[in-house]
């Protein structure tokens, strides 16, 4: 399965050296130029081979989204829509807009959830991963985390 990604989740996964959490679930991840540029700001950052740059051209849809979201989110939404692929995105406003455009969305919690369900990681590993991500600035409500873990039984 292929998916498009915004930069936030990629940066969090790279910071913890856990791209396996993506490769466990997706064969290919496409990112637009703005996301590529964002993730390459960190010196020495090299995304794994299953992440592919897929530039997009200027469109009216992109122009409209740029009034509402940053460049990376806007391009990722346009790319996901044009390829009819799900989108990895965590920012609340971007998720809402993408969802309203008919794009299937998944966030970091969803990626962790699927990895747990498929027995790639334990609940404890997921909790430790989230604790480190939150310590490093990832914002997510405790209620959402509790709901995810609660749904796992």
N, C-alpha and C. Protein backbone atom coordinates (compact mmCIF):
# COMPACT_ATOMS: atom_id res chain seq x y z
N UNK A 1 0.84 -1.19 0.00
CA UNK A 1 0.00 0.00 0.00
C UNK A 1 0.88 1.25 0.00
N UNK A 2 0.46 2.25 -0.71
CA UNK A 2 1.17 3.52 -0.78
C UNK A 2 0.38 4.59 -0.02
N UNK A 3 1.09 5.63 0.39
CA UNK A 3 0.49 6.72 1.15
C UNK A 3 1.32 7.98 0.87
N UNK A 4 0.71 9.14 1.13
CA UNK A 4 1.40 10.43 1.05
C UNK A 4 1.62 10.90 2.49
N UNK A 5 2.71 11.62 2.73
CA UNK A 5 2.96 12.10 4.09
C UNK A 5 3.32 13.57 4.14
N UNK A 6 2.86 14.20 5.21
CA UNK A 6 3.30 15.53 5.61
C UNK A 6 4.60 15.33 6.41
N UNK A 7 5.24 16.38 6.82
CA UNK A 7 6.55 16.26 7.45
C UNK A 7 6.55 15.90 8.92
N UNK A 8 5.55 16.28 9.69
CA UNK A 8 5.59 16.13 11.14
C UNK A 8 5.89 14.70 11.58
N UNK A 9 5.13 13.75 11.10
CA UNK A 9 5.32 12.36 11.50
C UNK A 9 6.68 11.85 11.06
N UNK A 10 7.11 12.24 9.88
CA UNK A 10 8.43 11.80 9.39
C UNK A 10 9.54 12.30 10.30
N UNK A 11 9.44 13.54 10.73
CA UNK A 11 10.47 14.12 11.61
C UNK A 11 10.48 13.42 12.96
N UNK A 12 9.29 13.15 13.51
CA UNK A 12 9.20 12.46 14.80
C UNK A 12 9.80 11.06 14.69
N UNK A 13 9.48 10.35 13.63
CA UNK A 13 10.01 9.00 13.44
C UNK A 13 11.52 9.02 13.25
N UNK A 14 12.01 9.99 12.50
CA UNK A 14 13.45 10.10 12.27
C UNK A 14 14.17 10.41 13.57
N UNK A 15 13.60 11.29 14.39
CA UNK A 15 14.22 11.65 15.67
C UNK A 15 14.40 10.43 16.58
N UNK A 16 13.54 9.44 16.42
CA UNK A 16 13.62 8.24 17.26
C UNK A 16 14.14 7.03 16.48
N UNK A 17 14.60 7.29 15.26
CA UNK A 17 15.14 6.22 14.41
C UNK A 17 14.14 5.06 14.28
N UNK A 18 12.88 5.40 13.96
CA UNK A 18 11.82 4.39 13.90
C UNK A 18 11.05 4.41 12.59
N UNK A 19 11.75 4.54 11.48
CA UNK A 19 11.06 4.45 10.18
C UNK A 19 10.46 3.08 9.96
N UNK A 20 10.88 2.09 10.75
CA UNK A 20 10.28 0.77 10.64
C UNK A 20 8.78 0.81 10.93
N UNK A 21 8.34 1.78 11.73
CA UNK A 21 6.91 1.89 12.02
C UNK A 21 6.11 2.22 10.77
N UNK A 22 6.76 2.85 9.79
CA UNK A 22 6.13 3.10 8.49
C UNK A 22 6.30 1.92 7.54
N UNK A 23 7.52 1.40 7.46
CA UNK A 23 7.78 0.31 6.52
C UNK A 23 7.02 -0.96 6.91
N UNK A 24 6.64 -1.08 8.18
CA UNK A 24 5.79 -2.20 8.60
C UNK A 24 4.41 -2.14 7.96
N UNK A 25 4.00 -0.94 7.57
CA UNK A 25 2.62 -0.72 7.11
C UNK A 25 2.50 -0.35 5.64
N UNK A 26 3.50 0.36 5.11
CA UNK A 26 3.39 0.93 3.77
C UNK A 26 4.59 0.54 2.91
N UNK A 27 4.32 0.18 1.66
CA UNK A 27 5.39 -0.16 0.73
C UNK A 27 6.06 1.09 0.18
N UNK A 28 5.26 2.15 -0.02
CA UNK A 28 5.78 3.39 -0.59
C UNK A 28 5.15 4.58 0.11
N UNK A 29 5.96 5.61 0.31
CA UNK A 29 5.47 6.87 0.85
C UNK A 29 5.93 7.96 -0.10
N UNK A 30 4.97 8.74 -0.59
CA UNK A 30 5.27 9.84 -1.48
C UNK A 30 5.20 11.15 -0.70
N UNK A 31 6.16 12.03 -0.98
CA UNK A 31 6.15 13.35 -0.34
C UNK A 31 6.37 14.42 -1.39
N UNK A 32 5.71 15.56 -1.23
CA UNK A 32 5.92 16.67 -2.16
C UNK A 32 7.21 17.43 -1.82
N UNK A 33 7.59 18.33 -2.70
CA UNK A 33 8.85 19.07 -2.55
C UNK A 33 8.95 19.82 -1.23
N UNK A 34 7.88 20.48 -0.82
CA UNK A 34 7.93 21.27 0.42
C UNK A 34 8.19 20.38 1.64
N UNK A 35 7.63 19.18 1.65
CA UNK A 35 7.88 18.25 2.75
C UNK A 35 9.32 17.76 2.68
N UNK A 36 9.79 17.45 1.48
CA UNK A 36 11.19 17.05 1.28
C UNK A 36 12.12 18.12 1.86
N UNK A 37 11.83 19.39 1.53
CA UNK A 37 12.66 20.50 2.01
C UNK A 37 12.62 20.59 3.54
N UNK A 38 11.44 20.41 4.13
CA UNK A 38 11.30 20.48 5.60
C UNK A 38 12.10 19.39 6.29
N UNK A 39 12.03 18.19 5.78
CA UNK A 39 12.72 17.09 6.47
C UNK A 39 14.22 17.12 6.22
N UNK A 40 14.64 17.81 5.18
CA UNK A 40 16.08 17.90 4.90
C UNK A 40 16.76 19.07 5.60
N UNK A 41 16.00 19.84 6.39
CA UNK A 41 16.61 20.94 7.14
C UNK A 41 17.56 20.42 8.20
N UNK A 42 17.29 19.22 8.69
CA UNK A 42 18.15 18.62 9.71
C UNK A 42 19.37 18.05 8.99
N UNK A 43 20.54 18.49 9.40
CA UNK A 43 21.78 18.04 8.77
C UNK A 43 21.93 16.53 8.88
N UNK A 44 22.28 15.92 7.77
CA UNK A 44 22.52 14.49 7.74
C UNK A 44 21.28 13.63 7.61
N UNK A 45 20.12 14.25 7.54
CA UNK A 45 18.87 13.49 7.43
C UNK A 45 18.75 12.89 6.04
N UNK A 46 18.64 11.58 5.99
CA UNK A 46 18.43 10.88 4.73
C UNK A 46 17.24 9.94 4.89
N UNK A 47 16.14 10.25 4.22
CA UNK A 47 14.98 9.37 4.34
C UNK A 47 15.27 8.00 3.72
N UNK A 48 14.60 6.98 4.20
CA UNK A 48 14.81 5.64 3.64
C UNK A 48 14.32 5.56 2.20
N UNK A 49 14.74 4.52 1.51
CA UNK A 49 14.44 4.36 0.09
C UNK A 49 12.95 4.27 -0.23
N UNK A 50 12.13 3.86 0.72
CA UNK A 50 10.70 3.73 0.42
C UNK A 50 9.97 5.07 0.45
N UNK A 51 10.69 6.16 0.77
CA UNK A 51 10.12 7.51 0.72
C UNK A 51 10.60 8.16 -0.57
N UNK A 52 9.64 8.57 -1.39
CA UNK A 52 9.94 9.09 -2.72
C UNK A 52 9.44 10.51 -2.89
N UNK A 53 10.31 11.37 -3.40
CA UNK A 53 9.93 12.74 -3.74
C UNK A 53 9.03 12.70 -4.95
N UNK A 54 7.92 13.42 -4.86
CA UNK A 54 6.96 13.47 -5.96
C UNK A 54 6.47 14.92 -6.09
N UNK A 55 7.22 15.74 -6.83
CA UNK A 55 6.85 17.15 -6.94
C UNK A 55 5.47 17.34 -7.58
N UNK A 56 4.82 18.42 -7.19
CA UNK A 56 3.53 18.76 -7.78
C UNK A 56 3.64 20.13 -8.42
N UNK A 57 2.79 20.39 -9.37
CA UNK A 57 2.78 21.69 -10.02
C UNK A 57 1.81 22.63 -9.33
N UNK A 58 1.89 23.89 -9.71
CA UNK A 58 0.98 24.89 -9.16
C UNK A 58 -0.43 24.63 -9.68
N UNK A 59 -1.39 24.66 -8.77
CA UNK A 59 -2.79 24.48 -9.14
C UNK A 59 -3.63 25.48 -8.38
N UNK A 60 -4.85 25.69 -8.83
CA UNK A 60 -5.76 26.57 -8.10
C UNK A 60 -6.03 26.02 -6.70
N UNK A 61 -6.16 24.70 -6.61
CA UNK A 61 -6.41 24.06 -5.32
C UNK A 61 -5.26 24.34 -4.34
N UNK A 62 -4.03 24.24 -4.83
CA UNK A 62 -2.87 24.54 -3.99
C UNK A 62 -2.89 25.99 -3.54
N UNK A 63 -3.19 26.89 -4.45
CA UNK A 63 -3.24 28.32 -4.11
C UNK A 63 -4.25 28.60 -3.00
N UNK A 64 -5.39 27.96 -3.07
CA UNK A 64 -6.42 28.14 -2.04
C UNK A 64 -5.95 27.58 -0.71
N UNK A 65 -5.37 26.38 -0.74
CA UNK A 65 -4.91 25.76 0.50
C UNK A 65 -3.82 26.58 1.18
N UNK A 66 -2.99 27.25 0.39
CA UNK A 66 -1.90 28.05 0.97
C UNK A 66 -2.40 29.23 1.80
N UNK A 67 -3.66 29.63 1.59
CA UNK A 67 -4.25 30.66 2.44
C UNK A 67 -4.61 30.12 3.82
N UNK A 68 -4.75 28.79 3.90
CA UNK A 68 -5.23 28.17 5.12
C UNK A 68 -4.16 27.39 5.89
N UNK A 69 -3.18 26.84 5.15
CA UNK A 69 -2.20 25.93 5.73
C UNK A 69 -0.80 26.30 5.28
N UNK A 70 0.21 25.67 5.87
CA UNK A 70 1.57 25.92 5.41
C UNK A 70 1.84 25.19 4.10
N UNK A 71 2.97 25.48 3.50
CA UNK A 71 3.32 24.93 2.19
C UNK A 71 3.35 23.40 2.18
N UNK A 72 3.99 22.80 3.18
CA UNK A 72 4.11 21.34 3.22
C UNK A 72 2.76 20.65 3.34
N UNK A 73 1.94 21.12 4.24
CA UNK A 73 0.60 20.54 4.40
C UNK A 73 -0.22 20.70 3.13
N UNK A 74 -0.16 21.89 2.55
CA UNK A 74 -0.93 22.17 1.34
C UNK A 74 -0.51 21.25 0.20
N UNK A 75 0.79 21.15 -0.03
CA UNK A 75 1.28 20.29 -1.10
C UNK A 75 0.96 18.82 -0.84
N UNK A 76 1.07 18.39 0.41
CA UNK A 76 0.78 16.99 0.75
C UNK A 76 -0.68 16.67 0.48
N UNK A 77 -1.58 17.58 0.81
CA UNK A 77 -3.00 17.36 0.56
C UNK A 77 -3.27 17.28 -0.94
N UNK A 78 -2.70 18.19 -1.70
CA UNK A 78 -2.89 18.17 -3.16
C UNK A 78 -2.33 16.87 -3.75
N UNK A 79 -1.17 16.45 -3.29
CA UNK A 79 -0.57 15.21 -3.80
C UNK A 79 -1.43 14.00 -3.45
N UNK A 80 -1.91 13.93 -2.22
CA UNK A 80 -2.76 12.80 -1.81
C UNK A 80 -4.04 12.76 -2.64
N UNK A 81 -4.61 13.92 -2.86
CA UNK A 81 -5.85 13.98 -3.66
C UNK A 81 -5.58 13.58 -5.10
N UNK A 82 -4.49 14.07 -5.68
CA UNK A 82 -4.20 13.77 -7.08
C UNK A 82 -3.87 12.29 -7.30
N UNK A 83 -3.26 11.65 -6.31
CA UNK A 83 -2.91 10.23 -6.41
C UNK A 83 -3.98 9.32 -5.81
N UNK A 84 -5.02 9.93 -5.23
CA UNK A 84 -6.09 9.17 -4.57
C UNK A 84 -5.52 8.21 -3.54
N UNK A 85 -4.64 8.76 -2.68
CA UNK A 85 -3.98 7.97 -1.64
C UNK A 85 -4.30 8.54 -0.26
N UNK A 86 -4.22 7.72 0.77
CA UNK A 86 -4.36 8.23 2.14
C UNK A 86 -3.21 9.20 2.45
N UNK A 87 -3.44 10.02 3.46
CA UNK A 87 -2.47 11.04 3.85
C UNK A 87 -2.11 10.90 5.32
N UNK A 88 -0.82 10.87 5.61
CA UNK A 88 -0.34 10.92 6.99
C UNK A 88 -0.19 12.39 7.36
N UNK A 89 -1.01 12.82 8.29
CA UNK A 89 -0.99 14.22 8.72
C UNK A 89 -1.51 14.29 10.16
N UNK A 90 -0.88 15.12 10.97
CA UNK A 90 -1.27 15.21 12.37
C UNK A 90 -1.86 16.56 12.77
N UNK A 91 -1.58 17.60 12.05
CA UNK A 91 -2.10 18.91 12.42
C UNK A 91 -3.62 18.94 12.25
N UNK A 92 -4.29 19.39 13.29
CA UNK A 92 -5.75 19.33 13.37
C UNK A 92 -6.43 20.03 12.18
N UNK A 93 -6.00 21.22 11.88
CA UNK A 93 -6.64 21.98 10.80
C UNK A 93 -6.43 21.28 9.45
N UNK A 94 -5.21 20.80 9.21
CA UNK A 94 -4.92 20.10 7.97
C UNK A 94 -5.71 18.81 7.85
N UNK A 95 -5.84 18.08 8.97
CA UNK A 95 -6.62 16.84 8.97
C UNK A 95 -8.08 17.11 8.60
N UNK A 96 -8.62 18.17 9.17
CA UNK A 96 -10.02 18.50 8.91
C UNK A 96 -10.23 18.87 7.45
N UNK A 97 -9.34 19.68 6.91
CA UNK A 97 -9.46 20.09 5.51
C UNK A 97 -9.31 18.89 4.59
N UNK A 98 -8.31 18.06 4.83
CA UNK A 98 -8.09 16.87 3.99
C UNK A 98 -9.29 15.94 4.06
N UNK A 99 -9.81 15.74 5.24
CA UNK A 99 -10.98 14.87 5.42
C UNK A 99 -12.18 15.42 4.66
N UNK A 100 -12.38 16.73 4.75
CA UNK A 100 -13.49 17.38 4.03
C UNK A 100 -13.34 17.27 2.52
N UNK A 101 -12.11 17.06 2.05
CA UNK A 101 -11.85 16.90 0.62
C UNK A 101 -11.96 15.43 0.19
N UNK A 102 -12.33 14.57 1.14
CA UNK A 102 -12.52 13.16 0.82
C UNK A 102 -11.25 12.33 0.90
N UNK A 103 -10.21 12.87 1.50
CA UNK A 103 -8.94 12.16 1.62
C UNK A 103 -8.95 11.35 2.91
N UNK A 104 -8.58 10.10 2.81
CA UNK A 104 -8.45 9.26 4.01
C UNK A 104 -7.20 9.72 4.75
N UNK A 105 -7.32 9.92 6.05
CA UNK A 105 -6.19 10.42 6.83
C UNK A 105 -5.80 9.43 7.91
N UNK A 106 -4.53 9.49 8.26
CA UNK A 106 -4.00 8.72 9.37
C UNK A 106 -2.94 9.59 10.03
N UNK A 107 -2.85 9.50 11.33
CA UNK A 107 -1.85 10.26 12.06
C UNK A 107 -0.87 9.35 12.76
N UNK A 108 -0.03 9.94 13.56
CA UNK A 108 0.97 9.17 14.29
C UNK A 108 0.31 8.12 15.20
N UNK A 109 -0.78 8.50 15.87
CA UNK A 109 -1.47 7.54 16.72
C UNK A 109 -2.00 6.36 15.91
N UNK A 110 -2.53 6.65 14.74
CA UNK A 110 -3.03 5.58 13.88
C UNK A 110 -1.92 4.65 13.43
N UNK A 111 -0.76 5.20 13.17
CA UNK A 111 0.39 4.38 12.78
C UNK A 111 0.81 3.48 13.94
N UNK A 112 0.85 4.05 15.14
CA UNK A 112 1.18 3.24 16.32
C UNK A 112 0.12 2.17 16.56
N UNK A 113 -1.14 2.56 16.43
CA UNK A 113 -2.25 1.62 16.63
C UNK A 113 -2.12 0.42 15.69
N UNK A 114 -1.90 0.68 14.41
CA UNK A 114 -1.77 -0.41 13.42
C UNK A 114 -0.55 -1.28 13.71
N UNK A 115 0.55 -0.67 14.14
CA UNK A 115 1.74 -1.45 14.49
C UNK A 115 1.48 -2.36 15.69
N UNK A 116 0.71 -1.88 16.65
CA UNK A 116 0.35 -2.70 17.81
C UNK A 116 -0.58 -3.83 17.36
N UNK A 117 -1.62 -3.49 16.61
CA UNK A 117 -2.59 -4.49 16.16
C UNK A 117 -1.94 -5.60 15.34
N UNK A 118 -0.92 -5.25 14.58
CA UNK A 118 -0.24 -6.23 13.73
C UNK A 118 0.97 -6.86 14.43
N UNK A 119 1.08 -6.59 15.71
CA UNK A 119 2.12 -7.18 16.58
C UNK A 119 3.54 -6.82 16.16
N UNK A 120 3.71 -5.64 15.58
CA UNK A 120 5.06 -5.15 15.27
C UNK A 120 5.72 -4.51 16.49
N UNK A 121 4.87 -3.94 17.37
CA UNK A 121 5.37 -3.34 18.61
C UNK A 121 4.36 -3.65 19.72
N UNK A 122 4.81 -3.52 20.94
CA UNK A 122 3.93 -3.73 22.09
C UNK A 122 3.29 -2.39 22.49
N UNK A 123 2.26 -2.49 23.33
CA UNK A 123 1.64 -1.27 23.85
C UNK A 123 2.66 -0.45 24.63
N UNK A 124 3.52 -1.13 25.38
CA UNK A 124 4.53 -0.43 26.16
C UNK A 124 5.51 0.32 25.25
N UNK A 125 5.94 -0.32 24.16
CA UNK A 125 6.83 0.35 23.22
C UNK A 125 6.16 1.59 22.64
N UNK A 126 4.88 1.47 22.31
CA UNK A 126 4.14 2.60 21.75
C UNK A 126 4.05 3.73 22.77
N UNK A 127 3.77 3.38 24.03
CA UNK A 127 3.68 4.41 25.07
C UNK A 127 5.02 5.11 25.27
N UNK A 128 6.10 4.35 25.28
CA UNK A 128 7.43 4.94 25.43
C UNK A 128 7.76 5.84 24.24
N UNK A 129 7.39 5.41 23.04
CA UNK A 129 7.60 6.22 21.84
C UNK A 129 6.85 7.54 21.98
N UNK A 130 5.57 7.47 22.37
CA UNK A 130 4.76 8.69 22.53
C UNK A 130 5.32 9.59 23.62
N UNK A 131 5.77 9.02 24.71
CA UNK A 131 6.35 9.82 25.80
C UNK A 131 7.56 10.61 25.29
N UNK A 132 8.43 9.94 24.52
CA UNK A 132 9.60 10.63 23.96
C UNK A 132 9.18 11.70 22.95
N UNK A 133 8.19 11.39 22.13
CA UNK A 133 7.72 12.36 21.13
C UNK A 133 7.14 13.59 21.83
N UNK A 134 6.36 13.38 22.86
CA UNK A 134 5.77 14.50 23.60
C UNK A 134 6.84 15.32 24.31
N UNK A 135 7.85 14.66 24.86
CA UNK A 135 8.97 15.35 25.51
C UNK A 135 9.69 16.25 24.50
N UNK A 136 9.72 15.81 23.24
CA UNK A 136 10.40 16.58 22.19
C UNK A 136 9.48 17.55 21.46
N UNK A 137 8.27 17.79 21.99
CA UNK A 137 7.42 18.84 21.45
C UNK A 137 6.20 18.40 20.67
N UNK A 138 6.00 17.10 20.45
CA UNK A 138 4.81 16.64 19.75
C UNK A 138 3.61 16.85 20.66
N UNK A 139 2.61 17.56 20.15
CA UNK A 139 1.43 17.87 20.95
C UNK A 139 0.28 16.96 20.55
N UNK A 140 -0.24 16.26 21.53
CA UNK A 140 -1.41 15.41 21.33
C UNK A 140 -2.10 15.27 22.67
N UNK A 141 -3.41 15.26 22.64
CA UNK A 141 -4.13 15.21 23.91
C UNK A 141 -4.02 13.84 24.56
N UNK A 142 -3.96 13.86 25.87
CA UNK A 142 -3.91 12.61 26.62
C UNK A 142 -5.18 11.82 26.40
N UNK A 143 -6.29 12.52 26.18
CA UNK A 143 -7.56 11.84 25.94
C UNK A 143 -7.48 10.97 24.68
N UNK A 144 -6.90 11.48 23.61
CA UNK A 144 -6.75 10.69 22.38
C UNK A 144 -5.85 9.48 22.60
N UNK A 145 -4.78 9.69 23.35
CA UNK A 145 -3.88 8.58 23.66
C UNK A 145 -4.62 7.52 24.47
N UNK A 146 -5.35 7.96 25.48
CA UNK A 146 -6.11 7.03 26.32
C UNK A 146 -7.15 6.27 25.50
N UNK A 147 -7.82 6.97 24.56
CA UNK A 147 -8.81 6.33 23.71
C UNK A 147 -8.17 5.25 22.84
N UNK A 148 -6.99 5.57 22.28
CA UNK A 148 -6.32 4.59 21.43
C UNK A 148 -5.98 3.35 22.23
N UNK A 149 -5.32 3.52 23.36
CA UNK A 149 -4.94 2.38 24.18
C UNK A 149 -6.16 1.63 24.71
N UNK A 150 -7.21 2.38 25.04
CA UNK A 150 -8.44 1.75 25.51
C UNK A 150 -9.09 0.88 24.44
N UNK A 151 -8.99 1.30 23.19
CA UNK A 151 -9.61 0.53 22.11
C UNK A 151 -8.83 -0.76 21.80
N UNK A 152 -7.62 -0.85 22.31
CA UNK A 152 -6.81 -2.05 22.07
C UNK A 152 -7.10 -3.17 23.07
N UNK A 153 -7.84 -2.81 24.11
CA UNK A 153 -8.22 -3.83 25.10
C UNK A 153 -7.18 -4.15 26.12
